[in-house]
Each structure stands twice: as C-alpha cells, then as structure tokens.
C-alpha atoms as a PDB file:
ATOM      1  CA  MET A   1       2.357  19.747  -0.735  1.00  0.00           C
ATOM      2  CA  LEU A   2      -0.959  17.957  -0.096  1.00  0.00           C
ATOM      3  CA  VAL A   3      -3.317  17.469  -3.006  1.00  0.00           C
ATOM      4  CA  ALA A   4      -7.002  17.035  -2.220  1.00  0.00           C
ATOM      5  CA  VAL A   5      -8.999  14.651  -4.352  1.00  0.00           C
ATOM      6  CA  LEU A   6     -12.748  15.078  -4.569  1.00  0.00           C
ATOM      7  CA  ASP A   7     -14.638  12.765  -2.263  1.00  0.00           C
ATOM      8  CA  ARG A   8     -16.938  11.507  -5.006  1.00  0.00           C
ATOM      9  CA  GLU A   9     -16.446  11.598  -8.761  1.00  0.00           C
ATOM     10  CA  SER A  10     -18.891  10.316 -11.338  1.00  0.00           C
ATOM     11  CA  GLU A  11     -17.718   7.694 -13.794  1.00  0.00           C
ATOM     12  CA  SER A  12     -19.077   7.304 -17.318  1.00  0.00           C
ATOM     13  CA  ASP A  13     -20.983   4.178 -16.225  1.00  0.00           C
ATOM     14  CA  GLY A  14     -22.822   6.119 -13.492  1.00  0.00           C
ATOM     15  CA  SER A  15     -20.770   4.696 -10.618  1.00  0.00           C
ATOM     16  CA  THR A  16     -18.745   6.862  -8.269  1.00  0.00           C
ATOM     17  CA  ARG A  17     -15.132   6.842  -7.174  1.00  0.00           C
ATOM     18  CA  ARG A  18     -14.002   7.678  -3.682  1.00  0.00           C
ATOM     19  CA  GLY A  19     -10.972   9.887  -3.411  1.00  0.00           C
ATOM     20  CA  GLY A  20      -8.464  10.719  -0.766  1.00  0.00           C
ATOM     21  CA  VAL A  21      -5.698  13.148   0.023  1.00  0.00           C
ATOM     22  CA  VAL A  22      -2.108  12.577  -0.969  1.00  0.00           C
ATOM     23  CA  ASP A  23       1.157  14.426  -0.474  1.00  0.00           C
ATOM     24  CA  ALA A  24       2.382  15.033  -4.024  1.00  0.00           C
ATOM     25  CA  GLY A  25       6.055  14.387  -3.191  1.00  0.00           C
ATOM     26  CA  GLY A  26       8.258  11.872  -4.975  1.00  0.00           C
ATOM     27  CA  ALA A  27       8.700   8.178  -4.337  1.00  0.00           C
ATOM     28  CA  GLU A  28      12.371   7.495  -5.030  1.00  0.00           C
ATOM     29  CA  VAL A  29      14.537   5.452  -2.683  1.00  0.00           C
ATOM     30  CA  GLY A  30      16.011   7.877  -0.166  1.00  0.00           C
ATOM     31  CA  SER A  31      13.207  10.422  -0.521  1.00  0.00           C
ATOM     32  CA  PRO A  32      10.270  10.964   1.835  1.00  0.00           C
ATOM     33  CA  ALA A  33       7.319   8.696   1.055  1.00  0.00           C
ATOM     34  CA  PRO A  34       4.271  10.595  -0.186  1.00  0.00           C
ATOM     35  CA  ASP A  35       1.898  10.825   2.753  1.00  0.00           C
ATOM     36  CA  PHE A  36      -1.689   9.850   2.036  1.00  0.00           C
ATOM     37  CA  VAL A  37      -5.160   9.514   3.487  1.00  0.00           C
ATOM     38  CA  LEU A  38      -7.439   7.023   1.721  1.00  0.00           C
ATOM     39  CA  PRO A  39     -10.774   5.398   2.466  1.00  0.00           C
ATOM     40  CA  ALA A  40     -10.423   2.008   4.154  1.00  0.00           C
ATOM     41  CA  LEU A  41     -11.396  -0.900   1.905  1.00  0.00           C
ATOM     42  CA  ASP A  42     -13.785  -2.225   4.555  1.00  0.00           C
ATOM     43  CA  GLY A  43     -15.594   1.145   4.592  1.00  0.00           C
ATOM     44  CA  ASP A  44     -14.661   1.779   8.214  1.00  0.00           C
ATOM     45  CA  GLY A  45     -12.691   5.020   8.359  1.00  0.00           C
ATOM     46  CA  GLU A  46      -9.499   5.980   6.630  1.00  0.00           C
ATOM     47  CA  VAL A  47      -5.963   4.685   6.227  1.00  0.00           C
ATOM     48  CA  ARG A  48      -3.226   7.274   6.797  1.00  0.00           C
ATOM     49  CA  LEU A  49       0.429   6.587   6.195  1.00  0.00           C
ATOM     50  CA  SER A  50       1.333   9.262   8.762  1.00  0.00           C
ATOM     51  CA  ASP A  51      -0.436   7.229  11.474  1.00  0.00           C
ATOM     52  CA  PHE A  52       2.457   4.755  11.186  1.00  0.00           C
ATOM     53  CA  ARG A  53       5.267   7.326  11.538  1.00  0.00           C
ATOM     54  CA  GLY A  54       7.898   5.985  13.919  1.00  0.00           C
ATOM     55  CA  ARG A  55       7.423   2.424  12.637  1.00  0.00           C
ATOM     56  CA  PRO A  56       8.838   0.647   9.589  1.00  0.00           C
ATOM     57  CA  VAL A  57       6.018   0.281   7.013  1.00  0.00           C
ATOM     58  CA  ILE A  58       5.550  -1.795   3.893  1.00  0.00           C
ATOM     59  CA  VAL A  59       3.177  -0.126   1.406  1.00  0.00           C
ATOM     60  CA  ASN A  60       1.975  -2.744  -1.083  1.00  0.00           C
ATOM     61  CA  PHE A  61      -0.004  -1.840  -4.235  1.00  0.00           C
ATOM     62  CA  TRP A  62      -2.080  -4.788  -5.427  1.00  0.00           C
ATOM     63  CA  ALA A  63      -5.296  -5.952  -7.109  1.00  0.00           C
ATOM     64  CA  SER A  64      -7.480  -9.039  -6.890  1.00  0.00           C
ATOM     65  CA  TRP A  65      -6.868  -9.845 -10.574  1.00  0.00           C
ATOM     66  CA  CYS A  66      -3.073  -9.835 -10.099  1.00  0.00           C
ATOM     67  CA  ASN A  67      -1.729 -13.390  -9.903  1.00  0.00           C
ATOM     68  CA  PRO A  68       1.672 -12.422  -8.414  1.00  0.00           C
ATOM     69  CA  CYS A  69      -0.240 -10.577  -5.671  1.00  0.00           C
ATOM     70  CA  ARG A  70      -1.597 -13.974  -4.587  1.00  0.00           C
ATOM     71  CA  ASP A  71       1.991 -15.079  -3.966  1.00  0.00           C
ATOM     72  CA  GLU A  72       2.843 -11.915  -2.059  1.00  0.00           C
ATOM     73  CA  PHE A  73       0.000 -11.818   0.451  1.00  0.00           C
ATOM     74  CA  PRO A  74       1.102 -14.893   2.465  1.00  0.00           C
ATOM     75  CA  LEU A  75       4.675 -13.574   2.454  1.00  0.00           C
ATOM     76  CA  LEU A  76       3.510 -10.208   3.787  1.00  0.00           C
ATOM     77  CA  GLU A  77       1.548 -11.963   6.527  1.00  0.00           C
ATOM     78  CA  GLU A  78       4.645 -13.973   7.418  1.00  0.00           C
ATOM     79  CA  ALA A  79       6.800 -10.818   7.478  1.00  0.00           C
ATOM     80  CA  LEU A  80       4.343  -9.185   9.884  1.00  0.00           C
ATOM     81  CA  ARG A  81       4.476 -12.204  12.154  1.00  0.00           C
ATOM     82  CA  ASP A  82       8.286 -12.569  11.973  1.00  0.00           C
ATOM     83  CA  HIS A  83       8.962  -8.868  12.600  1.00  0.00           C
ATOM     84  CA  ARG A  84       6.356  -8.111  15.241  1.00  0.00           C
ATOM     85  CA  ALA A  85       9.124  -7.168  17.697  1.00  0.00           C
ATOM     86  CA  ASP A  86      10.377  -4.609  15.149  1.00  0.00           C
ATOM     87  CA  GLU A  87       6.870  -3.061  15.045  1.00  0.00           C
ATOM     88  CA  LEU A  88       6.675  -3.676  11.287  1.00  0.00           C
ATOM     89  CA  ALA A  89       3.418  -2.528   9.696  1.00  0.00           C
ATOM     90  CA  VAL A  90       1.903  -3.257   6.286  1.00  0.00           C
ATOM     91  CA  ILE A  91      -0.587  -1.138   4.357  1.00  0.00           C
ATOM     92  CA  GLY A  92      -2.275  -2.523   1.270  1.00  0.00           C
ATOM     93  CA  VAL A  93      -3.464  -0.144  -1.456  1.00  0.00           C
ATOM     94  CA  THR A  94      -5.767  -1.447  -4.174  1.00  0.00           C
ATOM     95  CA  TYR A  95      -4.859  -0.512  -7.726  1.00  0.00           C
ATOM     96  CA  ARG A  96      -7.356  -0.488 -10.605  1.00  0.00           C
ATOM     97  CA  ASP A  97      -9.621  -3.004  -8.921  1.00  0.00           C
ATOM     98  CA  ILE A  98     -13.302  -3.398  -8.156  1.00  0.00           C
ATOM     99  CA  PRO A  99     -13.764  -2.810  -4.398  1.00  0.00           C
ATOM    100  CA  ALA A 100     -16.060  -5.833  -3.957  1.00  0.00           C
ATOM    101  CA  ASP A 101     -13.451  -8.037  -5.632  1.00  0.00           C
ATOM    102  CA  SER A 102     -10.728  -6.497  -3.459  1.00  0.00           C
ATOM    103  CA  ARG A 103     -12.719  -7.200  -0.289  1.00  0.00           C
ATOM    104  CA  ALA A 104     -13.330 -10.817  -1.350  1.00  0.00           C
ATOM    105  CA  PHE A 105      -9.615 -11.231  -2.114  1.00  0.00           C
ATOM    106  CA  VAL A 106      -8.565  -9.845   1.284  1.00  0.00           C
ATOM    107  CA  LYS A 107     -11.014 -12.190   3.003  1.00  0.00           C
ATOM    108  CA  GLU A 108      -9.843 -15.184   0.961  1.00  0.00           C
ATOM    109  CA  MET A 109      -6.184 -14.402   1.675  1.00  0.00           C
ATOM    110  CA  LYS A 110      -6.941 -13.760   5.372  1.00  0.00           C
ATOM    111  CA  ALA A 111      -4.968 -10.512   5.266  1.00  0.00           C
ATOM    112  CA  THR A 112      -4.753  -8.829   8.663  1.00  0.00           C
ATOM    113  CA  TRP A 113      -3.267  -5.456   7.727  1.00  0.00           C
ATOM    114  CA  PRO A 114      -5.070  -2.223   6.817  1.00  0.00           C
ATOM    115  CA  GLN A 115      -6.288  -1.995   3.225  1.00  0.00           C
ATOM    116  CA  ALA A 116      -7.019   1.264   1.410  1.00  0.00           C
ATOM    117  CA  VAL A 117      -8.935   2.138  -1.767  1.00  0.00           C
ATOM    118  CA  ASP A 118      -7.163   4.356  -4.302  1.00  0.00           C
ATOM    119  CA  ASP A 119      -9.952   4.576  -6.888  1.00  0.00           C
ATOM    120  CA  ASP A 120      -8.694   7.723  -8.589  1.00  0.00           C
ATOM    121  CA  ARG A 121      -5.095   6.451  -8.478  1.00  0.00           C
ATOM    122  CA  ALA A 122      -3.787   9.717  -6.996  1.00  0.00           C
ATOM    123  CA  VAL A 123      -1.693   7.837  -4.431  1.00  0.00           C
ATOM    124  CA  ALA A 124      -0.444   5.348  -7.016  1.00  0.00           C
ATOM    125  CA  ASP A 125       0.528   8.283  -9.236  1.00  0.00           C
ATOM    126  CA  ALA A 126       2.326  10.002  -6.351  1.00  0.00           C
ATOM    127  CA  PHE A 127       4.309   6.800  -5.755  1.00  0.00           C
ATOM    128  CA  GLY A 128       4.967   6.367  -9.481  1.00  0.00           C
ATOM    129  CA  VAL A 129       3.053   3.090  -9.741  1.00  0.00           C
ATOM    130  CA  ARG A 130       2.591   1.966 -13.343  1.00  0.00           C
ATOM    131  CA  SER A 131       2.203  -1.783 -12.829  1.00  0.00           C
ATOM    132  CA  ILE A 132       1.639  -4.134  -9.932  1.00  0.00           C
ATOM    133  CA  PRO A 133       2.564  -5.663  -7.684  1.00  0.00           C
ATOM    134  CA  ILE A 134       4.912  -3.010  -6.381  1.00  0.00           C
ATOM    135  CA  THR A 135       5.956  -2.523  -2.793  1.00  0.00           C
ATOM    136  CA  PHE A 136       7.600   0.406  -1.015  1.00  0.00           C
ATOM    137  CA  PHE A 137       9.545  -0.071   2.217  1.00  0.00           C
ATOM    138  CA  VAL A 138       9.198   3.085   4.310  1.00  0.00           C
ATOM    139  CA  GLY A 139      11.489   3.652   7.270  1.00  0.00           C
ATOM    140  CA  ALA A 140      10.324   4.846  10.665  1.00  0.00           C
ATOM    141  CA  ASP A 141      11.499   8.324   9.616  1.00  0.00           C
ATOM    142  CA  GLY A 142       9.138   8.304   6.614  1.00  0.00           C
ATOM    143  CA  THR A 143      11.901   7.848   4.031  1.00  0.00           C
ATOM    144  CA  ILE A 144      11.708   5.169   1.337  1.00  0.00           C
ATOM    145  CA  ALA A 145      14.373   2.557   2.120  1.00  0.00           C
ATOM    146  CA  ALA A 146      13.645   0.242  -0.841  1.00  0.00           C
ATOM    147  CA  ARG A 147      11.229  -0.425  -3.670  1.00  0.00           C
ATOM    148  CA  GLN A 148      10.458  -3.897  -5.024  1.00  0.00           C
ATOM    149  CA  PHE A 149       8.605  -4.873  -8.196  1.00  0.00           C
ATOM    150  CA  GLY A 150       6.988  -8.157  -7.238  1.00  0.00           C
ATOM    151  CA  PHE A 151       8.426 -10.840  -5.002  1.00  0.00           C
ATOM    152  CA  THR A 152       7.513 -14.498  -4.928  1.00  0.00           C
ATOM    153  CA  SER A 153       9.691 -15.878  -2.171  1.00  0.00           C
ATOM    154  CA  GLU A 154      10.705 -15.176   1.386  1.00  0.00           C
ATOM    155  CA  ALA A 155      14.292 -14.703   0.175  1.00  0.00           C
ATOM    156  CA  ALA A 156      13.224 -12.004  -2.319  1.00  0.00           C
ATOM    157  CA  LEU A 157      11.467 -10.143   0.494  1.00  0.00           C
ATOM    158  CA  ALA A 158      14.330 -10.514   3.002  1.00  0.00           C
ATOM    159  CA  GLU A 159      16.696  -7.988   1.378  1.00  0.00           C
ATOM    160  CA  PRO A 160      14.312  -5.001   1.250  1.00  0.00           C
ATOM    161  CA  ILE A 161      13.030  -5.777   4.762  1.00  0.00           C
ATOM    162  CA  GLY A 162      16.653  -5.883   5.911  1.00  0.00           C
ATOM    163  CA  LYS A 163      17.225  -2.426   4.403  1.00  0.00           C
ATOM    164  CA  LEU A 164      14.060  -1.196   6.042  1.00  0.00           C
ATOM    165  CA  LEU A 165      14.875  -2.484   9.512  1.00  0.00           C
ATOM    166  CA  SER A 166      18.526  -1.412   9.455  1.00  0.00           C
ATOM    167  CA  ARG A 167      17.598   2.287   9.314  1.00  0.00           C
END
C-alpha cells in the first residue's frame, strides 16, 4: 500500500515541510523494504528506492547533528568504492534535521550518493526508525537483508554488506 504525504505542510513556526510518498509495508529483516519517493536534498528531483531495484542498496538514516553519522559517512563512501563491481548503491535519508544543515554536512563529508529529505518522517516511520544512525541493507530483490544500528568501523560494516551481497 502506498501512502501519499501532502507536498507542503505548515509548521507552527510558519515554515513548511516537504513530503513524499512511501509504501507503508514493514521493515523487518527478510521482509520487502518499504518503497519510497522523497524530495532530493539538493532540490533537484526526487529519490526513489524503486529506481535501484536489481541492485544491492544501503539506506542510511542520518542527521547533521549526529556524531556517529560523521564516522559512518567515510565508511559508506569506502563501501561504494570497494563494491563498485557489485553495483552497490547508497541512499541517505535525513532524519529530524534542518535541510540547510544537512546540505552543509553532505558537502563537508564529500558524500557522493543520493540524499533525500524526509521532513514529515513518513519514510522513517515506515522503516521503524526511532533513533539514528540506522542503516538498512536492501537486496537486489527489494528484501531487507540486514539492519544495523550505527557502525564505526569497516569491520562492523563488513558483516551486513556480506549478507547483502550474498543474496
């Protein structure tokens, strides 16, 4: 089931939130990953999980204020580089962050993967995100192969990537 989220919602401070569309399925290991369409953080188009079907995908929920996220970004970049032949993809999804701060963080970290804005947290809710960083490893078939709450080393990332690529 797809759930539509209003394109613009007013906040109490007068600002607006951008919404997206998310498949309201579950996010347990072994289940299909909730599909989503979210605005791109850079303002240029949308990020769709379904666009990566047929490839292994890491979906990473993060925020600029999250110190462990600083440790993860270089490791994600390294994973992309090391697993290029496996067609590994990474999608970043901001969580409870100010978009301008998120954009500055991505620039500072020199992240090269697509970043999406989940202002209304519909996608985070569909994935069951309650705290960050949290990362979902989605197989080429769209099924969640592993879920990891934070990782701070290449070794900690190796096991879930191994599960992801062995599917």
